[in-house]
Amino acid sequence: ITIIRDSGFLGSGCNINFFINEELAATLDVSE
């Protein structure tokens, strides 16, 4: 599985935590 965060201004000030089966897998910034 690959998760890709969109680019753009909206939400760019916050990172996004990504979970697989409720386990923190990664924290993504814009375009990562």
Full PDB file with SEQRES, HELIX, SHEET, SSBOND, CRYST1, ORIGX, SCALE, CONECT and MASTER records, all heavy atoms in Angstrom:
SEQRES   1 A   32  ILE THR ILE ILE ARG ASP SER GLY PHE LEU GLY SER GLY          
SEQRES   2 A   32  CYS ASN ILE ASN PHE PHE ILE ASN GLU GLU LEU ALA ALA          
SEQRES   3 A   32  THR LEU ASP VAL SER GLU                                      
SHEET    1 AA1 2 ILE A  16  ILE A  20  0                                        
SHEET    2 AA1 2 GLU A  23  LEU A  28 -1                                        
CRYST1    1.000    1.000    1.000  90.00  90.00  90.00 P 1           1          
ORIGX1      1.000000  0.000000  0.000000        0.00000                         
ORIGX2      0.000000  1.000000  0.000000        0.00000                         
ORIGX3      0.000000  0.000000  1.000000        0.00000                         
SCALE1      1.000000  0.000000  0.000000        0.00000                         
SCALE2      0.000000  1.000000  0.000000        0.00000                         
SCALE3      0.000000  0.000000  1.000000        0.00000                         
ATOM      1  N   ILE A   1       0.864  -1.181   0.000  1.00  0.00           N  
ATOM      2  CA  ILE A   1       0.000   0.000   0.000  1.00  0.00           C  
ATOM      3  C   ILE A   1       0.900   1.229   0.000  1.00  0.00           C  
ATOM      4  O   ILE A   1       1.863   1.299   0.764  1.00  0.00           O  
ATOM      5  CB  ILE A   1      -0.906   0.023   1.241  1.00  0.00           C  
ATOM      6  CG1 ILE A   1      -1.985  -1.034   1.106  1.00  0.00           C  
ATOM      7  CG2 ILE A   1      -1.521   1.399   1.446  1.00  0.00           C  
ATOM      8  CD1 ILE A   1      -2.911  -1.108   2.287  1.00  0.00           C  
ATOM      9  N   THR A   2       0.572   2.190  -0.863  1.00  0.00           N  
ATOM     10  CA  THR A   2       1.247   3.482  -0.858  1.00  0.00           C  
ATOM     11  C   THR A   2       0.204   4.551  -0.599  1.00  0.00           C  
ATOM     12  O   THR A   2      -0.860   4.546  -1.220  1.00  0.00           O  
ATOM     13  CB  THR A   2       1.957   3.760  -2.193  1.00  0.00           C  
ATOM     14  OG1 THR A   2       2.973   2.773  -2.392  1.00  0.00           O  
ATOM     15  CG2 THR A   2       2.606   5.140  -2.210  1.00  0.00           C  
ATOM     16  N   ILE A   3       0.511   5.448   0.322  1.00  0.00           N  
ATOM     17  CA  ILE A   3      -0.351   6.592   0.607  1.00  0.00           C  
ATOM     18  C   ILE A   3       0.385   7.847   0.143  1.00  0.00           C  
ATOM     19  O   ILE A   3       1.574   8.005   0.420  1.00  0.00           O  
ATOM     20  CB  ILE A   3      -0.730   6.665   2.106  1.00  0.00           C  
ATOM     21  CG1 ILE A   3      -1.741   7.759   2.392  1.00  0.00           C  
ATOM     22  CG2 ILE A   3       0.483   6.805   2.994  1.00  0.00           C  
ATOM     23  CD1 ILE A   3      -3.161   7.393   2.082  1.00  0.00           C  
ATOM     24  N   ILE A   4      -0.307   8.712  -0.620  1.00  0.00           N  
ATOM     25  CA  ILE A   4       0.290   9.936  -1.152  1.00  0.00           C  
ATOM     26  C   ILE A   4      -0.577  11.115  -0.741  1.00  0.00           C  
ATOM     27  O   ILE A   4      -1.789  11.113  -0.991  1.00  0.00           O  
ATOM     28  CB  ILE A   4       0.398   9.893  -2.690  1.00  0.00           C  
ATOM     29  CG1 ILE A   4       1.209   8.689  -3.146  1.00  0.00           C  
ATOM     30  CG2 ILE A   4       1.009  11.202  -3.218  1.00  0.00           C  
ATOM     31  CD1 ILE A   4       1.214   8.479  -4.657  1.00  0.00           C  
ATOM     32  N   ARG A   5       0.023  12.101  -0.122  1.00  0.00           N  
ATOM     33  CA  ARG A   5      -0.717  13.303   0.263  1.00  0.00           C  
ATOM     34  C   ARG A   5      -0.712  14.295  -0.887  1.00  0.00           C  
ATOM     35  O   ARG A   5       0.310  14.534  -1.526  1.00  0.00           O  
ATOM     36  CB  ARG A   5      -0.101  13.934   1.509  1.00  0.00           C  
ATOM     37  CG  ARG A   5      -0.911  15.137   1.954  1.00  0.00           C  
ATOM     38  CD  ARG A   5      -0.562  15.617   3.311  1.00  0.00           C  
ATOM     39  NE  ARG A   5      -1.249  16.889   3.555  1.00  0.00           N  
ATOM     40  CZ  ARG A   5      -0.957  17.692   4.534  1.00  0.00           C  
ATOM     41  NH1 ARG A   5      -0.002  17.365   5.402  1.00  0.00           N  
ATOM     42  NH2 ARG A   5      -1.606  18.830   4.685  1.00  0.00           N  
ATOM     43  N   ASP A   6      -1.872  14.876  -1.139  1.00  0.00           N  
ATOM     44  CA  ASP A   6      -2.026  15.876  -2.195  1.00  0.00           C  
ATOM     45  C   ASP A   6      -1.138  17.095  -1.960  1.00  0.00           C  
ATOM     46  O   ASP A   6      -0.673  17.332  -0.849  1.00  0.00           O  
ATOM     47  CB  ASP A   6      -3.476  16.375  -2.253  1.00  0.00           C  
ATOM     48  CG  ASP A   6      -4.415  15.418  -2.958  1.00  0.00           C  
ATOM     49  OD1 ASP A   6      -3.984  14.338  -3.398  1.00  0.00           O  
ATOM     50  OD2 ASP A   6      -5.614  15.762  -3.064  1.00  0.00           O  
ATOM     51  N   SER A   7      -0.955  17.871  -3.020  1.00  0.00           N  
ATOM     52  CA  SER A   7      -0.286  19.169  -2.913  1.00  0.00           C  
ATOM     53  C   SER A   7      -1.362  20.243  -2.813  1.00  0.00           C  
ATOM     54  O   SER A   7      -2.540  19.976  -3.053  1.00  0.00           O  
ATOM     55  CB  SER A   7       0.595  19.418  -4.135  1.00  0.00           C  
ATOM     56  OG  SER A   7      -0.215  19.549  -5.287  1.00  0.00           O  
ATOM     57  N   GLY A   8      -0.962  21.450  -2.466  1.00  0.00           N  
ATOM     58  CA  GLY A   8      -1.903  22.566  -2.401  1.00  0.00           C  
ATOM     59  C   GLY A   8      -1.794  23.307  -1.096  1.00  0.00           C  
ATOM     60  O   GLY A   8      -1.197  22.835  -0.125  1.00  0.00           O  
ATOM     61  N   PHE A   9      -2.385  24.479  -1.073  1.00  0.00           N  
ATOM     62  CA  PHE A   9      -2.297  25.364   0.086  1.00  0.00           C  
ATOM     63  C   PHE A   9      -3.168  24.896   1.243  1.00  0.00           C  
ATOM     64  O   PHE A   9      -2.769  24.983   2.402  1.00  0.00           O  
ATOM     65  CB  PHE A   9      -2.698  26.788  -0.327  1.00  0.00           C  
ATOM     66  CG  PHE A   9      -2.655  27.761   0.798  1.00  0.00           C  
ATOM     67  CD1 PHE A   9      -1.442  28.220   1.290  1.00  0.00           C  
ATOM     68  CD2 PHE A   9      -3.820  28.208   1.394  1.00  0.00           C  
ATOM     69  CE1 PHE A   9      -1.391  29.120   2.348  1.00  0.00           C  
ATOM     70  CE2 PHE A   9      -3.775  29.101   2.445  1.00  0.00           C  
ATOM     71  CZ  PHE A   9      -2.567  29.560   2.927  1.00  0.00           C  
ATOM     72  N   LEU A  10      -4.363  24.375   0.941  1.00  0.00           N  
ATOM     73  CA  LEU A  10      -5.303  23.988   1.982  1.00  0.00           C  
ATOM     74  C   LEU A  10      -4.700  22.919   2.885  1.00  0.00           C  
ATOM     75  O   LEU A  10      -4.282  21.871   2.434  1.00  0.00           O  
ATOM     76  CB  LEU A  10      -6.603  23.474   1.354  1.00  0.00           C  
ATOM     77  CG  LEU A  10      -7.744  23.162   2.319  1.00  0.00           C  
ATOM     78  CD1 LEU A  10      -8.193  24.432   3.035  1.00  0.00           C  
ATOM     79  CD2 LEU A  10      -8.905  22.557   1.575  1.00  0.00           C  
ATOM     80  N   GLY A  11      -4.619  23.207   4.163  1.00  0.00           N  
ATOM     81  CA  GLY A  11      -4.102  22.246   5.135  1.00  0.00           C  
ATOM     82  C   GLY A  11      -2.603  22.104   5.159  1.00  0.00           C  
ATOM     83  O   GLY A  11      -2.063  21.258   5.873  1.00  0.00           O  
ATOM     84  N   SER A  12      -1.884  22.924   4.398  1.00  0.00           N  
ATOM     85  CA  SER A  12      -0.435  22.746   4.288  1.00  0.00           C  
ATOM     86  C   SER A  12       0.310  23.070   5.585  1.00  0.00           C  
ATOM     87  O   SER A  12       1.457  22.679   5.745  1.00  0.00           O  
ATOM     88  CB  SER A  12       0.124  23.586   3.144  1.00  0.00           C  
ATOM     89  OG  SER A  12      -0.106  24.961   3.376  1.00  0.00           O  
ATOM     90  N   GLY A  13      -0.350  23.744   6.521  1.00  0.00           N  
ATOM     91  CA  GLY A  13       0.289  24.054   7.792  1.00  0.00           C  
ATOM     92  C   GLY A  13       0.260  22.904   8.782  1.00  0.00           C  
ATOM     93  O   GLY A  13       0.872  22.973   9.838  1.00  0.00           O  
ATOM     94  N   CYS A  14      -0.457  21.832   8.439  1.00  0.00           N  
ATOM     95  CA  CYS A  14      -0.604  20.678   9.341  1.00  0.00           C  
ATOM     96  C   CYS A  14      -0.103  19.409   8.657  1.00  0.00           C  
ATOM     97  O   CYS A  14      -0.354  19.197   7.478  1.00  0.00           O  
ATOM     98  CB  CYS A  14      -2.068  20.460   9.703  1.00  0.00           C  
ATOM     99  SG  CYS A  14      -2.844  21.849  10.535  1.00  0.00           S  
ATOM    100  N   ASN A  15       0.567  18.581   9.424  1.00  0.00           N  
ATOM    101  CA  ASN A  15       0.886  17.247   8.933  1.00  0.00           C  
ATOM    102  C   ASN A  15      -0.324  16.351   9.148  1.00  0.00           C  
ATOM    103  O   ASN A  15      -1.234  16.686   9.901  1.00  0.00           O  
ATOM    104  CB  ASN A  15       2.099  16.669   9.678  1.00  0.00           C  
ATOM    105  CG  ASN A  15       3.401  17.300   9.236  1.00  0.00           C  
ATOM    106  OD1 ASN A  15       3.501  17.844   8.146  1.00  0.00           O  
ATOM    107  ND2 ASN A  15       4.400  17.232  10.091  1.00  0.00           N  
ATOM    108  N   ILE A  16      -0.316  15.197   8.499  1.00  0.00           N  
ATOM    109  CA  ILE A  16      -1.406  14.230   8.614  1.00  0.00           C  
ATOM    110  C   ILE A  16      -0.838  12.915   9.113  1.00  0.00           C  
ATOM    111  O   ILE A  16       0.093  12.364   8.519  1.00  0.00           O  
ATOM    112  CB  ILE A  16      -2.096  13.999   7.244  1.00  0.00           C  
ATOM    113  CG1 ILE A  16      -2.662  15.302   6.675  1.00  0.00           C  
ATOM    114  CG2 ILE A  16      -3.167  12.927   7.357  1.00  0.00           C  
ATOM    115  CD1 ILE A  16      -3.839  15.877   7.408  1.00  0.00           C  
ATOM    116  N   ASN A  17      -1.394  12.398  10.211  1.00  0.00           N  
ATOM    117  CA  ASN A  17      -1.027  11.064  10.686  1.00  0.00           C  
ATOM    118  C   ASN A  17      -1.797  10.036   9.878  1.00  0.00           C  
ATOM    119  O   ASN A  17      -3.009  10.181   9.673  1.00  0.00           O  
ATOM    120  CB  ASN A  17      -1.362  10.895  12.173  1.00  0.00           C  
ATOM    121  CG  ASN A  17      -0.393  11.621  13.075  1.00  0.00           C  
ATOM    122  OD1 ASN A  17       0.752  11.866  12.708  1.00  0.00           O  
ATOM    123  ND2 ASN A  17      -0.846  11.991  14.255  1.00  0.00           N  
ATOM    124  N   PHE A  18      -1.101   9.003   9.424  1.00  0.00           N  
ATOM    125  CA  PHE A  18      -1.702   7.910   8.656  1.00  0.00           C  
ATOM    126  C   PHE A  18      -1.613   6.630   9.481  1.00  0.00           C  
ATOM    127  O   PHE A  18      -0.557   6.303  10.005  1.00  0.00           O  
ATOM    128  CB  PHE A  18      -0.975   7.742   7.315  1.00  0.00           C  
ATOM    129  CG  PHE A  18      -1.410   6.548   6.539  1.00  0.00           C  
ATOM    130  CD1 PHE A  18      -2.691   6.468   6.021  1.00  0.00           C  
ATOM    131  CD2 PHE A  18      -0.542   5.480   6.333  1.00  0.00           C  
ATOM    132  CE1 PHE A  18      -3.105   5.353   5.306  1.00  0.00           C  
ATOM    133  CE2 PHE A  18      -0.940   4.368   5.612  1.00  0.00           C  
ATOM    134  CZ  PHE A  18      -2.225   4.300   5.102  1.00  0.00           C  
ATOM    135  N   PHE A  19      -2.733   5.937   9.603  1.00  0.00           N  
ATOM    136  CA  PHE A  19      -2.832   4.727  10.410  1.00  0.00           C  
ATOM    137  C   PHE A  19      -3.178   3.521   9.548  1.00  0.00           C  
ATOM    138  O   PHE A  19      -3.945   3.635   8.591  1.00  0.00           O  
ATOM    139  CB  PHE A  19      -3.936   4.873  11.464  1.00  0.00           C  
ATOM    140  CG  PHE A  19      -3.697   5.975  12.449  1.00  0.00           C  
ATOM    141  CD1 PHE A  19      -4.040   7.292  12.156  1.00  0.00           C  
ATOM    142  CD2 PHE A  19      -3.128   5.709  13.678  1.00  0.00           C  
ATOM    143  CE1 PHE A  19      -3.824   8.313  13.066  1.00  0.00           C  
ATOM    144  CE2 PHE A  19      -2.904   6.726  14.606  1.00  0.00           C  
ATOM    145  CZ  PHE A  19      -3.257   8.032  14.290  1.00  0.00           C  
ATOM    146  N   ILE A  20      -2.614   2.372   9.894  1.00  0.00           N  
ATOM    147  CA  ILE A  20      -3.022   1.087   9.312  1.00  0.00           C  
ATOM    148  C   ILE A  20      -3.515   0.244  10.479  1.00  0.00           C  
ATOM    149  O   ILE A  20      -2.766  -0.018  11.418  1.00  0.00           O  
ATOM    150  CB  ILE A  20      -1.857   0.382   8.590  1.00  0.00           C  
ATOM    151  CG1 ILE A  20      -1.334   1.242   7.442  1.00  0.00           C  
ATOM    152  CG2 ILE A  20      -2.309  -1.000   8.085  1.00  0.00           C  
ATOM    153  CD1 ILE A  20      -0.102   0.687   6.742  1.00  0.00           C  
ATOM    154  N   ASN A  21      -4.787  -0.143  10.409  1.00  0.00           N  
ATOM    155  CA  ASN A  21      -5.422  -0.909  11.491  1.00  0.00           C  
ATOM    156  C   ASN A  21      -5.187  -0.255  12.851  1.00  0.00           C  
ATOM    157  O   ASN A  21      -4.787  -0.900  13.816  1.00  0.00           O  
ATOM    158  CB  ASN A  21      -4.951  -2.360  11.490  1.00  0.00           C  
ATOM    159  CG  ASN A  21      -5.462  -3.105  10.282  1.00  0.00           C  
ATOM    160  OD1 ASN A  21      -6.555  -2.818   9.781  1.00  0.00           O  
ATOM    161  ND2 ASN A  21      -4.679  -4.041   9.793  1.00  0.00           N  
ATOM    162  N   GLU A  22      -5.425   1.043  12.912  1.00  0.00           N  
ATOM    163  CA  GLU A  22      -5.344   1.859  14.125  1.00  0.00           C  
ATOM    164  C   GLU A  22      -3.939   1.990  14.705  1.00  0.00           C  
ATOM    165  O   GLU A  22      -3.754   2.484  15.805  1.00  0.00           O  
ATOM    166  CB  GLU A  22      -6.332   1.363  15.184  1.00  0.00           C  
ATOM    167  CG  GLU A  22      -7.770   1.449  14.709  1.00  0.00           C  
ATOM    168  CD  GLU A  22      -8.778   1.001  15.742  1.00  0.00           C  
ATOM    169  OE1 GLU A  22      -8.387   0.609  16.862  1.00  0.00           O  
ATOM    170  OE2 GLU A  22      -9.975   1.063  15.424  1.00  0.00           O  
ATOM    171  N   GLU A  23      -2.914   1.596  13.962  1.00  0.00           N  
ATOM    172  CA  GLU A  23      -1.526   1.770  14.381  1.00  0.00           C  
ATOM    173  C   GLU A  23      -0.920   2.905  13.554  1.00  0.00           C  
ATOM    174  O   GLU A  23      -1.007   2.893  12.308  1.00  0.00           O  
ATOM    175  CB  GLU A  23      -0.727   0.485  14.172  1.00  0.00           C  
ATOM    176  CG  GLU A  23       0.706   0.590  14.636  1.00  0.00           C  
ATOM    177  CD  GLU A  23       1.500  -0.703  14.450  1.00  0.00           C  
ATOM    178  OE1 GLU A  23       0.929  -1.721  14.036  1.00  0.00           O  
ATOM    179  OE2 GLU A  23       2.715  -0.658  14.705  1.00  0.00           O  
ATOM    180  N   LEU A  24      -0.295   3.870  14.238  1.00  0.00           N  
ATOM    181  CA  LEU A  24       0.323   4.990  13.536  1.00  0.00           C  
ATOM    182  C   LEU A  24       1.432   4.468  12.628  1.00  0.00           C  
ATOM    183  O   LEU A  24       2.375   3.837  13.085  1.00  0.00           O  
ATOM    184  CB  LEU A  24       0.897   6.003  14.536  1.00  0.00           C  
ATOM    185  CG  LEU A  24       1.584   7.230  13.941  1.00  0.00           C  
ATOM    186  CD1 LEU A  24       0.629   8.025  13.050  1.00  0.00           C  
ATOM    187  CD2 LEU A  24       2.141   8.111  15.049  1.00  0.00           C  
ATOM    188  N   ALA A  25       1.285   4.715  11.328  1.00  0.00           N  
ATOM    189  CA  ALA A  25       2.238   4.210  10.342  1.00  0.00           C  
ATOM    190  C   ALA A  25       3.216   5.293   9.885  1.00  0.00           C  
ATOM    191  O   ALA A  25       4.400   5.030   9.703  1.00  0.00           O  
ATOM    192  CB  ALA A  25       1.491   3.644   9.137  1.00  0.00           C  
ATOM    193  N   ALA A  26       2.715   6.524   9.684  1.00  0.00           N  
ATOM    194  CA  ALA A  26       3.558   7.605   9.181  1.00  0.00           C  
ATOM    195  C   ALA A  26       2.871   8.939   9.420  1.00  0.00           C  
ATOM    196  O   ALA A  26       1.660   9.004   9.601  1.00  0.00           O  
ATOM    197  CB  ALA A  26       3.830   7.429   7.698  1.00  0.00           C  
ATOM    198  N   THR A  27       3.670   9.996   9.392  1.00  0.00           N  
ATOM    199  CA  THR A  27       3.148  11.358   9.416  1.00  0.00           C  
ATOM    200  C   THR A  27       3.573  12.017   8.110  1.00  0.00           C  
ATOM    201  O   THR A  27       4.764  12.101   7.811  1.00  0.00           O  
ATOM    202  CB  THR A  27       3.700  12.140  10.630  1.00  0.00           C  
ATOM    203  OG1 THR A  27       3.285  11.472  11.822  1.00  0.00           O  
ATOM    204  CG2 THR A  27       3.173  13.552  10.647  1.00  0.00           C  
ATOM    205  N   LEU A  28       2.569  12.434   7.331  1.00  0.00           N  
ATOM    206  CA  LEU A  28       2.811  12.960   5.994  1.00  0.00           C  
ATOM    207  C   LEU A  28       2.678  14.475   5.932  1.00  0.00           C  
ATOM    208  O   LEU A  28       1.748  15.047   6.476  1.00  0.00           O  
ATOM    209  CB  LEU A  28       1.810  12.360   5.004  1.00  0.00           C  
ATOM    210  CG  LEU A  28       1.903  10.864   4.802  1.00  0.00           C  
ATOM    211  CD1 LEU A  28       0.592  10.204   5.122  1.00  0.00           C  
ATOM    212  CD2 LEU A  28       2.329  10.565   3.398  1.00  0.00           C  
ATOM    213  N   ASP A  29       3.606  15.093   5.215  1.00  0.00           N  
ATOM    214  CA  ASP A  29       3.532  16.506   4.874  1.00  0.00           C  
ATOM    215  C   ASP A  29       2.988  16.581   3.436  1.00  0.00           C  
ATOM    216  O   ASP A  29       2.794  15.561   2.777  1.00  0.00           O  
ATOM    217  CB  ASP A  29       4.926  17.142   4.980  1.00  0.00           C  
ATOM    218  CG  ASP A  29       4.876  18.651   5.125  1.00  0.00           C  
ATOM    219  OD1 ASP A  29       3.792  19.255   4.954  1.00  0.00           O  
ATOM    220  OD2 ASP A  29       5.926  19.252   5.400  1.00  0.00           O  
ATOM    221  N   VAL A  30       2.782  17.763   2.941  1.00  0.00           N  
ATOM    222  CA  VAL A  30       2.263  17.977   1.589  1.00  0.00           C  
ATOM    223  C   VAL A  30       3.170  17.319   0.550  1.00  0.00           C  
ATOM    224  O   VAL A  30       4.397  17.396   0.646  1.00  0.00           O  
ATOM    225  CB  VAL A  30       2.138  19.494   1.315  1.00  0.00           C  
ATOM    226  CG1 VAL A  30       1.696  19.767  -0.105  1.00  0.00           C  
ATOM    227  CG2 VAL A  30       1.170  20.122   2.303  1.00  0.00           C  
ATOM    228  N   SER A  31       2.582  16.635  -0.417  1.00  0.00           N  
ATOM    229  CA  SER A  31       3.272  16.002  -1.555  1.00  0.00           C  
ATOM    230  C   SER A  31       4.218  14.876  -1.162  1.00  0.00           C  
ATOM    231  O   SER A  31       5.151  14.569  -1.891  1.00  0.00           O  
ATOM    232  CB  SER A  31       4.048  17.040  -2.376  1.00  0.00           C  
ATOM    233  OG  SER A  31       3.181  18.034  -2.870  1.00  0.00           O  
ATOM    234  N   GLU A  32       3.981  14.240  -0.020  1.00  0.00           N  
ATOM    235  CA  GLU A  32       4.819  13.124   0.408  1.00  0.00           C  
ATOM    236  C   GLU A  32       4.079  11.804   0.267  1.00  0.00           C  
ATOM    237  O   GLU A  32       2.851  11.763   0.245  1.00  0.00           O  
ATOM    238  CB  GLU A  32       5.258  13.297   1.867  1.00  0.00           C  
ATOM    239  CG  GLU A  32       6.284  14.381   2.057  1.00  0.00           C  
ATOM    240  CD  GLU A  32       6.784  14.467   3.490  1.00  0.00           C  
ATOM    241  OE1 GLU A  32       6.086  14.000   4.421  1.00  0.00           O  
ATOM    242  OE2 GLU A  32       7.883  15.009   3.680  1.00  0.00           O  
TER     243      GLU A  32                                                      
MASTER        0    0    0    0    2    0    0    6  242    1    0    3          
END                                                                             
